[in-house]
Amino acid sequence: MYLRFTVPKQHAGTVTRANLAPGPFRTASELYWDGDPETNPVLAAIRQELDWFNAELPVPKRFGVKARGRWWSDGVCWFRDSAREPIAHMEVMVSLLEDCGVPVTRNWTREPGQLLYRDDWQVVAKPDFVWAE
């Protein structure tokens, strides 16, 4: 199984040509930079989680697919269900985002689409279809 966390499109737009809801990293980063972490401990905690992901989660080497002679960034990231440590950190991030009024959805699937990249903790896949988010 694979797990993907998403935030509503009004918080960070959409990703891919499939018009999917985005993951929470951009929203978390924007909340941190737009706020005052010196006086808001939730924002300081968001920064700690972002720092953990920046240090520990590998950056996927491939998000793109070639179609009609052009490269498209259609890949979306999914955690492997065995990625206990990053999922635990994401659950902390989810709690912090929800404290800031941003709802986060958990999406589970057995088939995320065409795999473009994989490592021990995550895959990047081009979705075969659009699922309800």
N, C-alpha and C. Protein backbone atom coordinates (compact mmCIF):
# COMPACT_ATOMS: atom_id res chain seq x y z
N MET A 1 0.84 -1.19 0.00
CA MET A 1 0.00 0.00 0.00
C MET A 1 0.88 1.25 0.00
N TYR A 2 0.30 2.31 -0.54
CA TYR A 2 0.98 3.60 -0.60
C TYR A 2 0.07 4.65 0.02
N LEU A 3 0.69 5.64 0.64
CA LEU A 3 -0.04 6.69 1.35
C LEU A 3 0.40 8.05 0.83
N ARG A 4 -0.57 8.89 0.51
CA ARG A 4 -0.29 10.25 0.06
C ARG A 4 -1.13 11.21 0.89
N PHE A 5 -0.48 12.25 1.40
CA PHE A 5 -1.15 13.29 2.15
C PHE A 5 -1.41 14.46 1.21
N THR A 6 -2.61 15.04 1.27
CA THR A 6 -2.92 16.19 0.42
C THR A 6 -3.62 17.28 1.23
N VAL A 7 -3.49 18.50 0.72
CA VAL A 7 -4.22 19.64 1.28
C VAL A 7 -5.19 20.12 0.21
N PRO A 8 -6.25 20.83 0.60
CA PRO A 8 -7.20 21.33 -0.40
C PRO A 8 -6.52 22.22 -1.43
N LYS A 9 -7.02 22.18 -2.62
CA LYS A 9 -6.44 22.94 -3.74
C LYS A 9 -6.38 24.44 -3.46
N GLN A 10 -7.32 24.98 -2.68
CA GLN A 10 -7.32 26.42 -2.43
C GLN A 10 -6.11 26.84 -1.60
N HIS A 11 -5.42 25.90 -0.95
CA HIS A 11 -4.25 26.26 -0.15
C HIS A 11 -2.96 26.30 -0.97
N ALA A 12 -2.90 25.54 -2.08
CA ALA A 12 -1.62 25.50 -2.82
C ALA A 12 -1.80 25.18 -4.29
N GLY A 13 -2.98 25.39 -4.84
CA GLY A 13 -3.17 25.12 -6.27
C GLY A 13 -3.28 23.63 -6.55
N THR A 14 -2.90 23.24 -7.73
CA THR A 14 -2.96 21.84 -8.13
C THR A 14 -1.59 21.40 -8.63
N VAL A 15 -1.44 20.10 -8.76
CA VAL A 15 -0.21 19.55 -9.31
C VAL A 15 -0.56 18.60 -10.44
N THR A 16 0.30 18.51 -11.40
CA THR A 16 0.20 17.63 -12.56
C THR A 16 -0.92 18.03 -13.51
N ARG A 17 -0.86 17.46 -14.70
CA ARG A 17 -1.92 17.69 -15.68
C ARG A 17 -3.23 17.06 -15.24
N ALA A 18 -3.16 16.13 -14.28
CA ALA A 18 -4.37 15.47 -13.78
C ALA A 18 -5.12 16.34 -12.78
N ASN A 19 -4.60 17.54 -12.49
CA ASN A 19 -5.29 18.49 -11.63
C ASN A 19 -5.51 17.95 -10.21
N LEU A 20 -4.48 17.33 -9.64
CA LEU A 20 -4.59 16.73 -8.32
C LEU A 20 -4.30 17.73 -7.21
N ALA A 21 -4.87 17.46 -6.06
CA ALA A 21 -4.57 18.29 -4.89
C ALA A 21 -3.10 18.11 -4.52
N PRO A 22 -2.46 19.17 -4.03
CA PRO A 22 -1.03 19.09 -3.71
C PRO A 22 -0.78 18.44 -2.35
N GLY A 23 0.47 18.05 -2.16
CA GLY A 23 0.92 17.58 -0.86
C GLY A 23 1.08 18.76 0.09
N PRO A 24 1.38 18.51 1.35
CA PRO A 24 1.39 19.57 2.36
C PRO A 24 2.67 20.38 2.48
N PHE A 25 3.76 19.99 1.81
CA PHE A 25 5.04 20.67 2.06
C PHE A 25 5.02 22.15 1.68
N ARG A 26 4.47 22.48 0.55
CA ARG A 26 4.45 23.89 0.12
C ARG A 26 3.62 24.74 1.07
N THR A 27 2.47 24.22 1.45
CA THR A 27 1.60 24.95 2.37
C THR A 27 2.29 25.16 3.72
N ALA A 28 2.95 24.11 4.22
CA ALA A 28 3.67 24.23 5.49
C ALA A 28 4.77 25.28 5.39
N SER A 29 5.50 25.25 4.30
CA SER A 29 6.58 26.23 4.11
C SER A 29 6.04 27.65 4.04
N GLU A 30 4.96 27.84 3.30
CA GLU A 30 4.37 29.18 3.18
C GLU A 30 3.84 29.68 4.52
N LEU A 31 3.23 28.80 5.30
CA LEU A 31 2.76 29.20 6.63
C LEU A 31 3.93 29.68 7.48
N TYR A 32 5.02 28.92 7.43
CA TYR A 32 6.20 29.29 8.22
C TYR A 32 6.74 30.65 7.79
N TRP A 33 6.97 30.83 6.49
CA TRP A 33 7.60 32.07 6.02
C TRP A 33 6.67 33.28 6.13
N ASP A 34 5.35 33.06 6.06
CA ASP A 34 4.41 34.17 6.16
C ASP A 34 4.09 34.55 7.60
N GLY A 35 4.43 33.67 8.54
CA GLY A 35 4.09 33.92 9.94
C GLY A 35 5.27 34.43 10.74
N ASP A 36 5.11 34.38 12.05
CA ASP A 36 6.16 34.83 12.97
C ASP A 36 6.51 33.67 13.90
N PRO A 37 7.48 32.84 13.51
CA PRO A 37 7.83 31.67 14.33
C PRO A 37 8.43 32.04 15.69
N GLU A 38 8.87 33.28 15.84
CA GLU A 38 9.42 33.72 17.13
C GLU A 38 8.32 33.77 18.20
N THR A 39 7.10 34.09 17.78
CA THR A 39 6.00 34.20 18.73
C THR A 39 4.97 33.08 18.59
N ASN A 40 5.10 32.25 17.56
CA ASN A 40 4.14 31.18 17.33
C ASN A 40 4.86 29.83 17.38
N PRO A 41 4.70 29.09 18.48
CA PRO A 41 5.41 27.81 18.60
C PRO A 41 4.98 26.76 17.58
N VAL A 42 3.77 26.87 17.05
CA VAL A 42 3.33 25.93 16.02
C VAL A 42 4.18 26.12 14.76
N LEU A 43 4.44 27.37 14.40
CA LEU A 43 5.27 27.63 13.21
C LEU A 43 6.71 27.15 13.43
N ALA A 44 7.22 27.33 14.64
CA ALA A 44 8.57 26.83 14.94
C ALA A 44 8.61 25.31 14.82
N ALA A 45 7.55 24.64 15.25
CA ALA A 45 7.48 23.18 15.15
C ALA A 45 7.35 22.74 13.68
N ILE A 46 6.61 23.50 12.88
CA ILE A 46 6.52 23.21 11.45
C ILE A 46 7.92 23.27 10.84
N ARG A 47 8.68 24.28 11.22
CA ARG A 47 10.04 24.41 10.69
C ARG A 47 10.90 23.20 11.07
N GLN A 48 10.76 22.71 12.29
CA GLN A 48 11.52 21.53 12.72
C GLN A 48 11.18 20.33 11.85
N GLU A 49 9.90 20.15 11.55
CA GLU A 49 9.51 19.01 10.71
C GLU A 49 10.01 19.19 9.28
N LEU A 50 9.91 20.40 8.76
CA LEU A 50 10.44 20.65 7.41
C LEU A 50 11.94 20.39 7.36
N ASP A 51 12.66 20.81 8.40
CA ASP A 51 14.10 20.55 8.46
C ASP A 51 14.39 19.06 8.48
N TRP A 52 13.58 18.30 9.23
CA TRP A 52 13.79 16.85 9.28
C TRP A 52 13.62 16.25 7.87
N PHE A 53 12.55 16.62 7.19
CA PHE A 53 12.33 16.09 5.84
C PHE A 53 13.44 16.50 4.88
N ASN A 54 13.88 17.75 4.97
CA ASN A 54 14.97 18.21 4.09
C ASN A 54 16.25 17.43 4.34
N ALA A 55 16.50 17.04 5.58
CA ALA A 55 17.73 16.32 5.90
C ALA A 55 17.62 14.81 5.64
N GLU A 56 16.45 14.24 5.83
CA GLU A 56 16.33 12.78 5.85
C GLU A 56 15.63 12.15 4.65
N LEU A 57 14.70 12.84 4.03
CA LEU A 57 13.94 12.23 2.94
C LEU A 57 14.66 12.49 1.62
N PRO A 58 15.03 11.43 0.89
CA PRO A 58 15.70 11.65 -0.39
C PRO A 58 14.82 12.45 -1.35
N VAL A 59 15.47 13.30 -2.13
CA VAL A 59 14.75 14.05 -3.16
C VAL A 59 14.65 13.14 -4.38
N PRO A 60 13.43 12.85 -4.83
CA PRO A 60 13.28 11.98 -6.01
C PRO A 60 14.02 12.55 -7.22
N LYS A 61 14.59 11.65 -7.98
CA LYS A 61 15.36 12.06 -9.16
C LYS A 61 14.49 12.22 -10.40
N ARG A 62 13.25 11.75 -10.33
CA ARG A 62 12.41 11.84 -11.52
C ARG A 62 10.96 12.11 -11.15
N PHE A 63 10.42 13.13 -11.77
CA PHE A 63 8.99 13.45 -11.68
C PHE A 63 8.34 13.49 -13.06
N GLY A 64 9.16 13.54 -14.10
CA GLY A 64 8.64 13.81 -15.43
C GLY A 64 8.39 12.59 -16.28
N VAL A 65 7.49 12.80 -17.24
CA VAL A 65 7.22 11.83 -18.29
C VAL A 65 7.25 12.58 -19.62
N LYS A 66 7.65 11.87 -20.64
CA LYS A 66 7.70 12.50 -21.96
C LYS A 66 6.45 12.09 -22.74
N ALA A 67 5.74 13.08 -23.23
CA ALA A 67 4.53 12.84 -24.02
C ALA A 67 4.46 13.88 -25.13
N ARG A 68 4.28 13.40 -26.33
CA ARG A 68 4.19 14.29 -27.50
C ARG A 68 5.40 15.21 -27.63
N GLY A 69 6.57 14.64 -27.37
CA GLY A 69 7.81 15.38 -27.53
C GLY A 69 8.12 16.40 -26.45
N ARG A 70 7.37 16.38 -25.37
CA ARG A 70 7.56 17.36 -24.30
C ARG A 70 7.62 16.65 -22.95
N TRP A 71 8.44 17.18 -22.04
CA TRP A 71 8.50 16.63 -20.69
C TRP A 71 7.44 17.30 -19.81
N TRP A 72 6.69 16.47 -19.09
CA TRP A 72 5.65 16.95 -18.18
C TRP A 72 5.99 16.48 -16.77
N SER A 73 5.81 17.34 -15.80
CA SER A 73 6.06 16.98 -14.41
C SER A 73 4.78 16.40 -13.81
N ASP A 74 4.49 15.16 -14.20
CA ASP A 74 3.23 14.52 -13.80
C ASP A 74 3.34 13.62 -12.58
N GLY A 75 4.54 13.43 -12.05
CA GLY A 75 4.71 12.52 -10.93
C GLY A 75 4.22 13.10 -9.62
N VAL A 76 3.61 12.23 -8.81
CA VAL A 76 3.20 12.61 -7.46
C VAL A 76 3.84 11.62 -6.49
N CYS A 77 4.17 12.12 -5.31
CA CYS A 77 4.87 11.32 -4.30
C CYS A 77 3.90 10.57 -3.40
N TRP A 78 4.28 9.35 -3.11
CA TRP A 78 3.54 8.48 -2.19
C TRP A 78 4.53 7.87 -1.22
N PHE A 79 4.17 7.81 0.05
CA PHE A 79 4.98 7.06 1.01
C PHE A 79 4.67 5.58 0.87
N ARG A 80 5.68 4.76 1.01
CA ARG A 80 5.45 3.32 1.14
C ARG A 80 4.90 3.09 2.54
N ASP A 81 4.01 2.14 2.70
CA ASP A 81 3.42 1.92 4.02
C ASP A 81 4.45 1.43 5.04
N SER A 82 5.62 0.96 4.58
CA SER A 82 6.68 0.53 5.48
C SER A 82 7.56 1.69 5.95
N ALA A 83 7.32 2.89 5.47
CA ALA A 83 8.14 4.07 5.80
C ALA A 83 7.67 4.67 7.12
N ARG A 84 7.85 3.94 8.19
CA ARG A 84 7.28 4.33 9.47
C ARG A 84 7.81 5.68 9.99
N GLU A 85 9.11 5.89 9.89
CA GLU A 85 9.67 7.14 10.43
C GLU A 85 9.18 8.37 9.68
N PRO A 86 9.26 8.42 8.34
CA PRO A 86 8.75 9.61 7.67
C PRO A 86 7.24 9.78 7.82
N ILE A 87 6.50 8.69 7.86
CA ILE A 87 5.05 8.81 8.07
C ILE A 87 4.76 9.38 9.45
N ALA A 88 5.52 8.96 10.46
CA ALA A 88 5.34 9.52 11.80
C ALA A 88 5.62 11.03 11.80
N HIS A 89 6.67 11.45 11.10
CA HIS A 89 6.96 12.89 11.01
C HIS A 89 5.86 13.61 10.23
N MET A 90 5.32 12.97 9.22
CA MET A 90 4.23 13.60 8.47
C MET A 90 2.97 13.71 9.33
N GLU A 91 2.73 12.76 10.17
CA GLU A 91 1.57 12.85 11.07
C GLU A 91 1.73 14.04 12.03
N VAL A 92 2.95 14.31 12.47
CA VAL A 92 3.20 15.50 13.28
C VAL A 92 2.90 16.74 12.45
N MET A 93 3.41 16.76 11.21
CA MET A 93 3.17 17.90 10.32
C MET A 93 1.67 18.10 10.09
N VAL A 94 0.95 17.01 9.89
CA VAL A 94 -0.51 17.09 9.69
C VAL A 94 -1.17 17.75 10.90
N SER A 95 -0.79 17.32 12.08
CA SER A 95 -1.37 17.89 13.30
C SER A 95 -1.09 19.39 13.39
N LEU A 96 0.13 19.78 13.05
CA LEU A 96 0.50 21.20 13.09
C LEU A 96 -0.28 22.01 12.05
N LEU A 97 -0.40 21.47 10.85
CA LEU A 97 -1.17 22.17 9.81
C LEU A 97 -2.63 22.32 10.21
N GLU A 98 -3.19 21.25 10.79
CA GLU A 98 -4.58 21.33 11.23
C GLU A 98 -4.75 22.35 12.35
N ASP A 99 -3.72 22.50 13.21
CA ASP A 99 -3.76 23.56 14.23
C ASP A 99 -3.82 24.94 13.59
N CYS A 100 -3.29 25.07 12.38
CA CYS A 100 -3.29 26.33 11.64
C CYS A 100 -4.54 26.47 10.75
N GLY A 101 -5.45 25.52 10.83
CA GLY A 101 -6.68 25.59 10.06
C GLY A 101 -6.62 24.98 8.67
N VAL A 102 -5.57 24.23 8.38
CA VAL A 102 -5.43 23.59 7.06
C VAL A 102 -5.80 22.12 7.19
N PRO A 103 -6.90 21.67 6.58
CA PRO A 103 -7.24 20.26 6.65
C PRO A 103 -6.31 19.43 5.74
N VAL A 104 -5.99 18.24 6.20
CA VAL A 104 -5.12 17.34 5.44
C VAL A 104 -5.85 16.02 5.27
N THR A 105 -5.81 15.49 4.05
CA THR A 105 -6.46 14.22 3.73
C THR A 105 -5.40 13.15 3.54
N ARG A 106 -5.72 11.94 4.00
CA ARG A 106 -4.87 10.78 3.78
C ARG A 106 -5.50 9.94 2.66
N ASN A 107 -4.70 9.66 1.63
CA ASN A 107 -5.17 8.88 0.49
C ASN A 107 -4.36 7.59 0.43
N TRP A 108 -5.04 6.45 0.44
CA TRP A 108 -4.38 5.15 0.36
C TRP A 108 -4.69 4.50 -0.98
N THR A 109 -3.72 3.79 -1.54
CA THR A 109 -3.95 3.04 -2.77
C THR A 109 -2.96 1.88 -2.85
N ARG A 110 -3.34 0.88 -3.61
CA ARG A 110 -2.41 -0.21 -3.94
C ARG A 110 -1.72 0.06 -5.27
N GLU A 111 -2.33 0.90 -6.09
CA GLU A 111 -1.81 1.18 -7.42
C GLU A 111 -1.75 2.68 -7.67
N PRO A 112 -0.62 3.30 -7.36
CA PRO A 112 -0.52 4.75 -7.51
C PRO A 112 -0.37 5.20 -8.97
N GLY A 113 -0.08 4.28 -9.87
CA GLY A 113 0.12 4.62 -11.27
C GLY A 113 1.47 4.12 -11.75
N GLN A 114 1.91 4.66 -12.86
CA GLN A 114 3.20 4.28 -13.45
C GLN A 114 4.33 4.79 -12.57
N LEU A 115 5.14 3.88 -12.04
CA LEU A 115 6.23 4.28 -11.16
C LEU A 115 7.36 4.93 -11.96
N LEU A 116 7.74 6.13 -11.52
CA LEU A 116 8.81 6.88 -12.16
C LEU A 116 10.09 6.86 -11.32
N TYR A 117 9.93 6.66 -10.03
CA TYR A 117 11.05 6.69 -9.09
C TYR A 117 10.65 5.88 -7.86
N ARG A 118 11.64 5.27 -7.21
CA ARG A 118 11.38 4.61 -5.94
C ARG A 118 12.64 4.60 -5.10
N ASP A 119 12.45 4.70 -3.78
CA ASP A 119 13.54 4.49 -2.84
C ASP A 119 12.94 3.73 -1.66
N ASP A 120 13.66 3.65 -0.56
CA ASP A 120 13.19 2.85 0.57
C ASP A 120 11.93 3.40 1.23
N TRP A 121 11.68 4.71 1.08
CA TRP A 121 10.58 5.33 1.79
C TRP A 121 9.43 5.80 0.92
N GLN A 122 9.66 5.99 -0.37
CA GLN A 122 8.65 6.64 -1.21
C GLN A 122 8.73 6.16 -2.65
N VAL A 123 7.67 6.47 -3.37
CA VAL A 123 7.67 6.31 -4.81
C VAL A 123 7.12 7.60 -5.41
N VAL A 124 7.48 7.82 -6.67
CA VAL A 124 6.86 8.88 -7.46
C VAL A 124 6.16 8.14 -8.59
N ALA A 125 4.89 8.45 -8.78
CA ALA A 125 4.11 7.76 -9.80
C ALA A 125 3.30 8.75 -10.62
N LYS A 126 3.16 8.43 -11.89
CA LYS A 126 2.24 9.17 -12.76
C LYS A 126 0.89 8.48 -12.63
N PRO A 127 -0.10 9.21 -12.14
CA PRO A 127 -1.41 8.57 -11.94
C PRO A 127 -2.01 8.10 -13.26
N ASP A 128 -2.63 6.92 -13.22
CA ASP A 128 -3.31 6.37 -14.38
C ASP A 128 -4.69 6.97 -14.56
N PHE A 129 -5.23 7.52 -13.50
CA PHE A 129 -6.58 8.08 -13.51
C PHE A 129 -6.65 9.13 -12.42
N VAL A 130 -7.72 9.88 -12.40
CA VAL A 130 -7.92 10.87 -11.36
C VAL A 130 -8.88 10.27 -10.33
N TRP A 131 -8.44 10.24 -9.08
CA TRP A 131 -9.27 9.74 -8.01
C TRP A 131 -9.86 10.92 -7.26
N ALA A 132 -10.89 10.66 -6.53
CA ALA A 132 -11.55 11.74 -5.77
C ALA A 132 -10.67 12.15 -4.61
N GLU A 133 -10.43 13.45 -4.46
CA GLU A 133 -9.67 13.97 -3.33
C GLU A 133 -10.46 15.05 -2.65
